[in-house]
Amino acid sequence: MWDFETDPEYQAKLDWVQEFMVNELEPLDLVALDPYDKKNPETMAVLRPLQQQVKDQGLWAAHLRPELGGQGFGQVKLALLNEILGRSRWAPSVFGCQAPDSGNAKILALFGTEDQKARYL
């Protein structure tokens, strides 16, 4: 039998994500903005502060190993996180885990210049 329980510290992060989703991201799904339109200044004005809140919580690019700038969460922790994130079309962009950027983040972390890492990670 699989155990999908997690430690209290990570559960606190999941509780924060749950509240963040309800209060910040799910309401954005009702707005006509496209979270993937990175050339739209209105989208970016909404997206950047939300991304910073996620970074401040230590949840940005959680799929990456710590030496690559991520959190190094294992598959069970990522599954528990993604179960919540799957409720909003904004979540992948806000949490830095959208495809293809999740793969691109790893490539940048491993092979990017310091300038590229600072700009995109």
N, C-alpha and C. Protein backbone atom coordinates (compact mmCIF):
# COMPACT_ATOMS: atom_id res chain seq x y z
N MET A 1 0.84 -1.18 0.00
CA MET A 1 0.00 0.00 0.00
C MET A 1 0.88 1.25 0.00
N TRP A 2 0.55 2.20 -0.83
CA TRP A 2 1.32 3.44 -0.92
C TRP A 2 0.92 4.39 0.19
N ASP A 3 1.89 5.08 0.72
CA ASP A 3 1.66 6.06 1.76
C ASP A 3 1.83 7.45 1.15
N PHE A 4 0.73 8.19 1.04
CA PHE A 4 0.79 9.51 0.45
C PHE A 4 0.79 10.62 1.51
N GLU A 5 1.04 10.25 2.74
CA GLU A 5 1.18 11.26 3.78
C GLU A 5 2.57 11.87 3.68
N THR A 6 2.70 13.06 4.18
CA THR A 6 3.99 13.74 4.11
C THR A 6 4.31 14.34 5.47
N ASP A 7 5.51 14.84 5.59
CA ASP A 7 5.94 15.40 6.86
C ASP A 7 5.21 16.72 7.14
N PRO A 8 5.12 17.12 8.41
CA PRO A 8 4.39 18.33 8.78
C PRO A 8 4.92 19.60 8.08
N GLU A 9 6.22 19.68 7.89
CA GLU A 9 6.79 20.87 7.24
C GLU A 9 6.29 20.99 5.80
N TYR A 10 6.29 19.89 5.08
CA TYR A 10 5.82 19.94 3.69
C TYR A 10 4.30 20.11 3.65
N GLN A 11 3.60 19.52 4.61
CA GLN A 11 2.15 19.71 4.66
C GLN A 11 1.81 21.18 4.84
N ALA A 12 2.61 21.90 5.61
CA ALA A 12 2.40 23.34 5.78
C ALA A 12 2.55 24.06 4.44
N LYS A 13 3.51 23.64 3.62
CA LYS A 13 3.67 24.22 2.28
C LYS A 13 2.45 23.92 1.42
N LEU A 14 1.96 22.68 1.48
CA LEU A 14 0.77 22.32 0.71
C LEU A 14 -0.44 23.12 1.16
N ASP A 15 -0.55 23.36 2.46
CA ASP A 15 -1.66 24.18 2.98
C ASP A 15 -1.56 25.60 2.43
N TRP A 16 -0.33 26.14 2.37
CA TRP A 16 -0.14 27.47 1.80
C TRP A 16 -0.55 27.47 0.32
N VAL A 17 -0.13 26.46 -0.42
CA VAL A 17 -0.47 26.36 -1.84
C VAL A 17 -1.99 26.30 -2.01
N GLN A 18 -2.65 25.53 -1.19
CA GLN A 18 -4.11 25.41 -1.26
C GLN A 18 -4.77 26.78 -1.09
N GLU A 19 -4.34 27.51 -0.09
CA GLU A 19 -4.91 28.85 0.16
C GLU A 19 -4.56 29.81 -0.97
N PHE A 20 -3.34 29.76 -1.45
CA PHE A 20 -2.88 30.61 -2.56
C PHE A 20 -3.71 30.33 -3.81
N MET A 21 -3.98 29.07 -4.07
CA MET A 21 -4.79 28.70 -5.24
C MET A 21 -6.19 29.30 -5.13
N VAL A 22 -6.82 29.13 -3.99
CA VAL A 22 -8.19 29.60 -3.81
C VAL A 22 -8.26 31.13 -3.88
N ASN A 23 -7.32 31.81 -3.23
CA ASN A 23 -7.39 33.26 -3.12
C ASN A 23 -6.76 34.02 -4.28
N GLU A 24 -5.75 33.45 -4.92
CA GLU A 24 -5.01 34.18 -5.94
C GLU A 24 -5.17 33.63 -7.36
N LEU A 25 -5.02 32.32 -7.52
CA LEU A 25 -4.95 31.78 -8.88
C LEU A 25 -6.30 31.40 -9.47
N GLU A 26 -7.13 30.71 -8.72
CA GLU A 26 -8.42 30.30 -9.28
C GLU A 26 -9.26 31.49 -9.73
N PRO A 27 -9.27 32.63 -9.03
CA PRO A 27 -10.00 33.78 -9.56
C PRO A 27 -9.44 34.28 -10.90
N LEU A 28 -8.15 34.11 -11.12
CA LEU A 28 -7.56 34.55 -12.40
C LEU A 28 -8.06 33.72 -13.58
N ASP A 29 -8.50 32.51 -13.32
CA ASP A 29 -9.03 31.68 -14.40
C ASP A 29 -10.27 32.29 -15.04
N LEU A 30 -10.90 33.22 -14.34
CA LEU A 30 -12.10 33.89 -14.86
C LEU A 30 -11.75 35.12 -15.68
N VAL A 31 -10.48 35.50 -15.69
CA VAL A 31 -10.01 36.67 -16.42
C VAL A 31 -9.58 36.23 -17.82
N ALA A 32 -9.74 37.10 -18.78
CA ALA A 32 -9.46 36.74 -20.17
C ALA A 32 -7.96 36.67 -20.49
N LEU A 33 -7.10 37.07 -19.58
CA LEU A 33 -5.66 37.03 -19.84
C LEU A 33 -5.18 35.60 -20.04
N ASP A 34 -4.19 35.44 -20.91
CA ASP A 34 -3.58 34.14 -21.16
C ASP A 34 -2.30 34.05 -20.34
N PRO A 35 -2.20 33.13 -19.39
CA PRO A 35 -1.01 33.04 -18.55
C PRO A 35 0.25 32.64 -19.31
N TYR A 36 0.09 32.15 -20.53
CA TYR A 36 1.24 31.72 -21.32
C TYR A 36 1.70 32.79 -22.31
N ASP A 37 0.99 33.93 -22.36
CA ASP A 37 1.36 35.02 -23.28
C ASP A 37 2.36 35.93 -22.58
N LYS A 38 3.63 35.52 -22.63
CA LYS A 38 4.69 36.24 -21.92
C LYS A 38 5.05 37.57 -22.58
N LYS A 39 4.49 37.85 -23.76
CA LYS A 39 4.76 39.13 -24.43
C LYS A 39 3.72 40.18 -24.09
N ASN A 40 2.66 39.78 -23.41
CA ASN A 40 1.61 40.70 -23.02
C ASN A 40 1.99 41.37 -21.69
N PRO A 41 2.17 42.69 -21.69
CA PRO A 41 2.57 43.37 -20.45
C PRO A 41 1.55 43.21 -19.32
N GLU A 42 0.27 43.10 -19.64
CA GLU A 42 -0.74 42.91 -18.60
C GLU A 42 -0.58 41.54 -17.94
N THR A 43 -0.32 40.53 -18.75
CA THR A 43 -0.10 39.19 -18.19
C THR A 43 1.11 39.20 -17.27
N MET A 44 2.19 39.81 -17.72
CA MET A 44 3.42 39.82 -16.93
C MET A 44 3.24 40.64 -15.65
N ALA A 45 2.44 41.69 -15.70
CA ALA A 45 2.19 42.50 -14.50
C ALA A 45 1.45 41.69 -13.44
N VAL A 46 0.63 40.75 -13.87
CA VAL A 46 -0.07 39.86 -12.94
C VAL A 46 0.85 38.73 -12.51
N LEU A 47 1.58 38.17 -13.45
CA LEU A 47 2.37 36.96 -13.23
C LEU A 47 3.57 37.17 -12.30
N ARG A 48 4.36 38.20 -12.52
CA ARG A 48 5.61 38.39 -11.78
C ARG A 48 5.43 38.47 -10.26
N PRO A 49 4.49 39.26 -9.75
CA PRO A 49 4.34 39.29 -8.28
C PRO A 49 3.90 37.94 -7.70
N LEU A 50 3.08 37.21 -8.45
CA LEU A 50 2.66 35.89 -7.98
C LEU A 50 3.84 34.92 -7.96
N GLN A 51 4.66 34.99 -8.99
CA GLN A 51 5.87 34.15 -9.03
C GLN A 51 6.77 34.46 -7.84
N GLN A 52 6.88 35.73 -7.49
CA GLN A 52 7.74 36.11 -6.37
C GLN A 52 7.21 35.54 -5.06
N GLN A 53 5.90 35.54 -4.90
CA GLN A 53 5.32 34.94 -3.68
C GLN A 53 5.67 33.46 -3.59
N VAL A 54 5.61 32.76 -4.72
CA VAL A 54 5.96 31.34 -4.76
C VAL A 54 7.44 31.15 -4.43
N LYS A 55 8.29 32.00 -4.99
CA LYS A 55 9.73 31.92 -4.70
C LYS A 55 9.98 32.17 -3.22
N ASP A 56 9.27 33.14 -2.65
CA ASP A 56 9.44 33.45 -1.23
C ASP A 56 9.05 32.27 -0.33
N GLN A 57 8.16 31.43 -0.81
CA GLN A 57 7.74 30.24 -0.06
C GLN A 57 8.65 29.03 -0.31
N GLY A 58 9.63 29.20 -1.20
CA GLY A 58 10.53 28.09 -1.51
C GLY A 58 9.87 27.01 -2.35
N LEU A 59 8.95 27.41 -3.22
CA LEU A 59 8.23 26.43 -4.04
C LEU A 59 8.45 26.62 -5.53
N TRP A 60 9.34 27.52 -5.91
CA TRP A 60 9.62 27.77 -7.33
C TRP A 60 10.42 26.61 -7.92
N ALA A 61 10.02 26.16 -9.10
CA ALA A 61 10.73 25.10 -9.83
C ALA A 61 11.04 23.91 -8.91
N ALA A 62 10.03 23.46 -8.21
CA ALA A 62 10.21 22.41 -7.20
C ALA A 62 10.71 21.10 -7.78
N HIS A 63 10.60 20.94 -9.09
CA HIS A 63 11.03 19.70 -9.74
C HIS A 63 12.55 19.60 -9.89
N LEU A 64 13.24 20.73 -9.80
CA LEU A 64 14.70 20.73 -9.96
C LEU A 64 15.40 20.32 -8.66
N ARG A 65 16.55 19.70 -8.81
CA ARG A 65 17.38 19.36 -7.64
C ARG A 65 17.92 20.66 -7.03
N PRO A 66 18.23 20.65 -5.73
CA PRO A 66 18.73 21.86 -5.07
C PRO A 66 19.96 22.45 -5.74
N GLU A 67 20.88 21.63 -6.19
CA GLU A 67 22.09 22.16 -6.83
C GLU A 67 21.78 22.83 -8.16
N LEU A 68 20.56 22.65 -8.68
CA LEU A 68 20.14 23.31 -9.91
C LEU A 68 19.20 24.48 -9.64
N GLY A 69 18.99 24.79 -8.37
CA GLY A 69 18.17 25.94 -8.01
C GLY A 69 16.74 25.60 -7.62
N GLY A 70 16.41 24.32 -7.55
CA GLY A 70 15.06 23.91 -7.16
C GLY A 70 15.02 23.39 -5.74
N GLN A 71 14.00 22.64 -5.45
CA GLN A 71 13.79 22.13 -4.10
C GLN A 71 14.15 20.66 -3.95
N GLY A 72 14.20 19.94 -5.06
CA GLY A 72 14.56 18.52 -4.99
C GLY A 72 13.50 17.65 -4.35
N PHE A 73 12.24 18.05 -4.47
CA PHE A 73 11.17 17.24 -3.91
C PHE A 73 11.09 15.92 -4.66
N GLY A 74 10.83 14.85 -3.95
CA GLY A 74 10.65 13.55 -4.57
C GLY A 74 9.31 13.45 -5.28
N GLN A 75 9.08 12.31 -5.89
CA GLN A 75 7.88 12.12 -6.70
C GLN A 75 6.59 12.21 -5.90
N VAL A 76 6.56 11.70 -4.69
CA VAL A 76 5.33 11.77 -3.90
C VAL A 76 5.02 13.22 -3.55
N LYS A 77 6.02 13.98 -3.12
CA LYS A 77 5.79 15.39 -2.79
C LYS A 77 5.35 16.17 -4.03
N LEU A 78 6.00 15.90 -5.17
CA LEU A 78 5.60 16.59 -6.40
C LEU A 78 4.17 16.21 -6.80
N ALA A 79 3.81 14.95 -6.62
CA ALA A 79 2.45 14.52 -6.95
C ALA A 79 1.43 15.24 -6.08
N LEU A 80 1.71 15.36 -4.79
CA LEU A 80 0.80 16.06 -3.88
C LEU A 80 0.68 17.53 -4.27
N LEU A 81 1.79 18.14 -4.65
CA LEU A 81 1.77 19.54 -5.09
C LEU A 81 1.01 19.68 -6.40
N ASN A 82 1.31 18.83 -7.37
CA ASN A 82 0.67 18.94 -8.69
C ASN A 82 -0.81 18.63 -8.64
N GLU A 83 -1.24 17.84 -7.67
CA GLU A 83 -2.66 17.59 -7.51
C GLU A 83 -3.40 18.90 -7.24
N ILE A 84 -2.79 19.77 -6.48
CA ILE A 84 -3.39 21.08 -6.18
C ILE A 84 -3.22 22.02 -7.37
N LEU A 85 -2.02 22.05 -7.95
CA LEU A 85 -1.74 22.98 -9.05
C LEU A 85 -2.60 22.72 -10.27
N GLY A 86 -3.04 21.49 -10.45
CA GLY A 86 -3.82 21.13 -11.62
C GLY A 86 -5.18 21.80 -11.71
N ARG A 87 -5.56 22.53 -10.70
CA ARG A 87 -6.87 23.17 -10.70
C ARG A 87 -6.89 24.52 -11.40
N SER A 88 -5.75 25.07 -11.75
CA SER A 88 -5.72 26.41 -12.36
C SER A 88 -4.78 26.44 -13.55
N ARG A 89 -5.23 27.09 -14.62
CA ARG A 89 -4.36 27.22 -15.79
C ARG A 89 -3.19 28.17 -15.53
N TRP A 90 -3.26 28.97 -14.49
CA TRP A 90 -2.18 29.88 -14.14
C TRP A 90 -1.07 29.21 -13.34
N ALA A 91 -1.38 28.14 -12.65
CA ALA A 91 -0.43 27.53 -11.72
C ALA A 91 0.91 27.13 -12.33
N PRO A 92 0.94 26.47 -13.49
CA PRO A 92 2.26 26.08 -14.03
C PRO A 92 3.19 27.27 -14.27
N SER A 93 2.65 28.38 -14.78
CA SER A 93 3.48 29.57 -15.01
C SER A 93 3.90 30.22 -13.71
N VAL A 94 3.00 30.25 -12.75
CA VAL A 94 3.29 30.89 -11.47
C VAL A 94 4.30 30.09 -10.66
N PHE A 95 4.26 28.77 -10.75
CA PHE A 95 5.16 27.92 -9.97
C PHE A 95 6.40 27.48 -10.73
N GLY A 96 6.56 27.93 -11.98
CA GLY A 96 7.77 27.60 -12.75
C GLY A 96 7.89 26.14 -13.11
N CYS A 97 6.75 25.52 -13.40
CA CYS A 97 6.80 24.08 -13.72
C CYS A 97 6.04 23.75 -15.00
N GLN A 98 5.84 24.75 -15.88
CA GLN A 98 5.10 24.48 -17.10
C GLN A 98 6.01 23.88 -18.17
N ALA A 99 5.45 22.99 -18.95
CA ALA A 99 6.18 22.45 -20.09
C ALA A 99 6.09 23.47 -21.22
N PRO A 100 7.10 23.66 -22.00
CA PRO A 100 8.37 22.94 -21.94
C PRO A 100 9.36 23.55 -20.95
N ASP A 101 8.94 24.58 -20.22
CA ASP A 101 9.89 25.27 -19.36
C ASP A 101 10.43 24.41 -18.23
N SER A 102 9.69 23.39 -17.82
CA SER A 102 10.23 22.54 -16.76
C SER A 102 11.49 21.84 -17.26
N GLY A 103 11.49 21.37 -18.48
CA GLY A 103 12.69 20.77 -19.07
C GLY A 103 13.74 21.81 -19.40
N ASN A 104 13.28 22.96 -19.89
CA ASN A 104 14.21 24.04 -20.22
C ASN A 104 14.92 24.54 -18.97
N ALA A 105 14.22 24.57 -17.85
CA ALA A 105 14.84 25.02 -16.60
C ALA A 105 16.02 24.13 -16.23
N LYS A 106 15.87 22.85 -16.42
CA LYS A 106 16.96 21.93 -16.10
C LYS A 106 18.14 22.16 -17.05
N ILE A 107 17.85 22.35 -18.32
CA ILE A 107 18.92 22.61 -19.30
C ILE A 107 19.65 23.91 -18.95
N LEU A 108 18.88 24.96 -18.62
CA LEU A 108 19.51 26.23 -18.24
C LEU A 108 20.33 26.08 -16.97
N ALA A 109 19.80 25.36 -15.99
CA ALA A 109 20.52 25.17 -14.73
C ALA A 109 21.83 24.43 -14.94
N LEU A 110 21.83 23.48 -15.85
CA LEU A 110 23.03 22.69 -16.09
C LEU A 110 24.02 23.37 -17.04
N PHE A 111 23.51 24.04 -18.07
CA PHE A 111 24.38 24.50 -19.15
C PHE A 111 24.29 25.99 -19.47
N GLY A 112 23.40 26.72 -18.82
CA GLY A 112 23.24 28.14 -19.13
C GLY A 112 24.35 28.99 -18.56
N THR A 113 24.50 30.18 -19.15
CA THR A 113 25.46 31.14 -18.62
C THR A 113 24.90 31.71 -17.31
N GLU A 114 25.73 32.37 -16.55
CA GLU A 114 25.25 32.98 -15.30
C GLU A 114 24.18 34.02 -15.59
N ASP A 115 24.33 34.77 -16.69
CA ASP A 115 23.33 35.76 -17.07
C ASP A 115 21.99 35.09 -17.40
N GLN A 116 22.02 33.99 -18.15
CA GLN A 116 20.80 33.26 -18.47
C GLN A 116 20.14 32.70 -17.22
N LYS A 117 20.93 32.17 -16.32
CA LYS A 117 20.38 31.63 -15.08
C LYS A 117 19.70 32.73 -14.26
N ALA A 118 20.35 33.87 -14.15
CA ALA A 118 19.77 34.98 -13.38
C ALA A 118 18.48 35.48 -14.02
N ARG A 119 18.45 35.51 -15.34
CA ARG A 119 17.29 36.05 -16.05
C ARG A 119 16.11 35.10 -16.08
N TYR A 120 16.36 33.82 -16.31
CA TYR A 120 15.27 32.88 -16.56
C TYR A 120 14.97 31.92 -15.42
N LEU A 121 15.89 31.73 -14.51
CA LEU A 121 15.62 30.82 -13.40
C LEU A 121 15.25 31.62 -12.17
